[in-house]
Amino acid sequence: VSLQQLLALAQTVRDFYAVGGEKATAKIMRQVVSDFVKPETQRAALGVGYALLINKDCPVLAKNMVSHSWDEGFFEFIDALNIISEALATEGLWICALALHQRNTGENGPGPSIAEQLGDDVLEG
């Protein structure tokens, strides 16, 4: 995804939680993926991650791999990237929560599971 797309996602997530009267800024990455990202990709039924879903007509080439914790605040993650936004403004970002299709082994639906995408060997995939 691009940084601009990530910032747009942040606003969409704020709006999503506001509808239910929840405070988005209290949400961790795990919750945002479970509550928003995963349902969005499942609804599309294409078997792809969020990043490819929103860029299906013109995929963004990732030039930076961004690590995150499942239990870190989602908006803390966004804020950290925003601090270095000038350096990332024109580059694609590979963020596993958005790049991988979020389907667990045993769950129904199109596309590969997370385990199938990652493979059995950490060095070979």
Protein backbone atom coordinates (compact mmCIF):
# COMPACT_ATOMS: atom_id res chain seq x y z
CA VAL A 1 0.00 0.00 0.00
CA SER A 2 1.04 3.59 -0.32
CA LEU A 3 1.33 5.87 2.69
CA GLN A 4 -1.62 7.86 1.35
CA GLN A 5 -3.71 4.68 1.21
CA LEU A 6 -2.66 3.81 4.76
CA LEU A 7 -3.75 7.25 5.98
CA ALA A 8 -7.07 6.85 4.12
CA LEU A 9 -7.50 3.45 5.80
CA ALA A 10 -6.94 5.11 9.18
CA GLN A 11 -9.81 7.52 8.50
CA THR A 12 -12.02 4.69 7.27
CA VAL A 13 -11.25 2.72 10.44
CA ARG A 14 -12.11 5.79 12.59
CA ASP A 15 -15.44 6.10 10.76
CA PHE A 16 -16.09 2.35 11.01
CA TYR A 17 -15.74 2.30 14.79
CA ALA A 18 -17.59 5.62 15.24
CA VAL A 19 -20.72 4.05 13.71
CA GLY A 20 -20.77 1.57 16.59
CA GLY A 21 -19.96 4.26 19.15
CA GLU A 22 -16.51 2.80 19.77
CA LYS A 23 -13.29 4.74 20.21
CA ALA A 24 -11.01 3.80 17.32
CA THR A 25 -7.87 5.14 18.97
CA ALA A 26 -8.10 2.42 21.62
CA LYS A 27 -7.97 -0.39 19.03
CA ILE A 28 -4.92 -2.57 18.50
CA MET A 29 -3.77 -3.93 15.14
CA ARG A 30 -5.26 -7.37 15.88
CA GLN A 31 -8.72 -5.82 16.43
CA VAL A 32 -8.60 -3.67 13.31
CA VAL A 33 -7.63 -6.67 11.19
CA SER A 34 -10.32 -8.85 12.79
CA ASP A 35 -13.09 -6.24 12.79
CA PHE A 36 -12.41 -4.43 9.52
CA VAL A 37 -9.64 -5.75 7.24
CA LYS A 38 -10.63 -9.41 7.30
CA PRO A 39 -14.36 -8.80 6.70
CA GLU A 40 -13.57 -6.39 3.84
CA THR A 41 -11.42 -8.96 2.06
CA GLN A 42 -13.91 -11.76 2.72
CA ARG A 43 -16.76 -9.65 1.30
CA ALA A 44 -14.80 -9.13 -1.90
CA ALA A 45 -14.34 -12.94 -2.19
CA LEU A 46 -11.18 -12.61 -4.27
CA GLY A 47 -8.84 -14.42 -1.90
CA VAL A 48 -6.35 -11.56 -1.71
CA GLY A 49 -5.05 -9.31 1.05
CA TYR A 50 -6.37 -5.81 1.66
CA ALA A 51 -3.45 -4.15 -0.11
CA LEU A 52 -4.05 -6.05 -3.35
CA LEU A 53 -7.81 -5.66 -3.00
CA ILE A 54 -7.60 -1.87 -3.04
CA ASN A 55 -4.92 -1.92 -5.75
CA LYS A 56 -6.24 -4.75 -7.94
CA ASP A 57 -6.24 -2.58 -11.07
CA CYS A 58 -2.77 -1.16 -10.46
CA PRO A 59 -0.76 -3.02 -7.79
CA VAL A 60 1.70 -0.97 -5.74
CA LEU A 61 5.27 -2.24 -5.74
CA ALA A 62 6.43 -2.46 -2.14
CA LYS A 63 9.85 -0.97 -1.57
CA ASN A 64 9.74 -1.09 2.23
CA MET A 65 8.78 -3.90 4.60
CA VAL A 66 7.17 -2.46 7.72
CA SER A 67 7.02 -4.60 10.83
CA HIS A 68 4.28 -4.32 13.42
CA SER A 69 3.04 -5.99 16.56
CA TRP A 70 -0.44 -7.50 16.67
CA ASP A 71 -0.94 -5.91 20.08
CA GLU A 72 0.31 -2.41 19.32
CA GLY A 73 -2.13 0.42 18.97
CA PHE A 74 -3.28 0.72 15.35
CA PHE A 75 -3.12 4.51 15.42
CA GLU A 76 0.27 4.45 17.18
CA PHE A 77 1.48 2.42 14.19
CA ILE A 78 -0.02 4.97 11.78
CA ASP A 79 1.48 7.87 13.74
CA ALA A 80 4.94 6.26 13.70
CA LEU A 81 4.83 5.98 9.92
CA ASN A 82 3.48 9.49 9.61
CA ILE A 83 6.54 10.81 11.45
CA ILE A 84 8.75 9.54 8.64
CA SER A 85 6.16 10.22 5.94
CA GLU A 86 8.45 12.37 3.85
CA ALA A 87 10.80 9.43 3.33
CA LEU A 88 7.89 7.09 2.50
CA ALA A 89 5.71 9.43 0.48
CA THR A 90 6.39 7.85 -2.90
CA GLU A 91 7.23 4.29 -1.91
CA GLY A 92 5.06 1.22 -1.51
CA LEU A 93 4.86 -0.39 1.93
CA TRP A 94 4.59 -4.13 2.63
CA ILE A 95 2.70 -4.51 5.90
CA CYS A 96 1.82 -8.13 6.64
CA ALA A 97 -1.57 -7.28 8.19
CA LEU A 98 -2.56 -5.70 4.89
CA ALA A 99 -0.46 -7.67 2.41
CA LEU A 100 -1.39 -11.21 3.44
CA HIS A 101 -4.84 -12.63 2.83
CA GLN A 102 -6.17 -12.94 6.38
CA ARG A 103 -7.72 -16.40 6.26
CA ASN A 104 -6.77 -18.88 8.97
CA THR A 105 -6.32 -22.58 8.28
CA GLY A 106 -9.71 -24.28 8.47
CA GLU A 107 -11.72 -21.15 7.68
CA ASN A 108 -13.89 -21.30 4.60
CA GLY A 109 -13.42 -18.85 1.77
CA PRO A 110 -11.38 -18.20 -1.33
CA GLY A 111 -7.66 -17.78 -1.41
CA PRO A 112 -4.79 -19.30 0.52
CA SER A 113 -4.60 -19.45 4.31
CA ILE A 114 -1.94 -17.46 6.14
CA ALA A 115 0.03 -20.68 6.69
CA GLU A 116 -0.14 -21.51 2.98
CA GLN A 117 1.13 -18.04 2.09
CA LEU A 118 4.02 -18.22 4.54
CA GLY A 119 5.03 -21.84 3.91
CA ASP A 120 6.70 -24.31 6.24
CA ASP A 121 10.29 -23.08 5.98
CA VAL A 122 11.15 -19.63 7.29
CA LEU A 123 14.03 -19.36 4.84
CA GLU A 124 12.36 -20.77 1.75
CA GLY A 125 8.65 -20.07 2.31
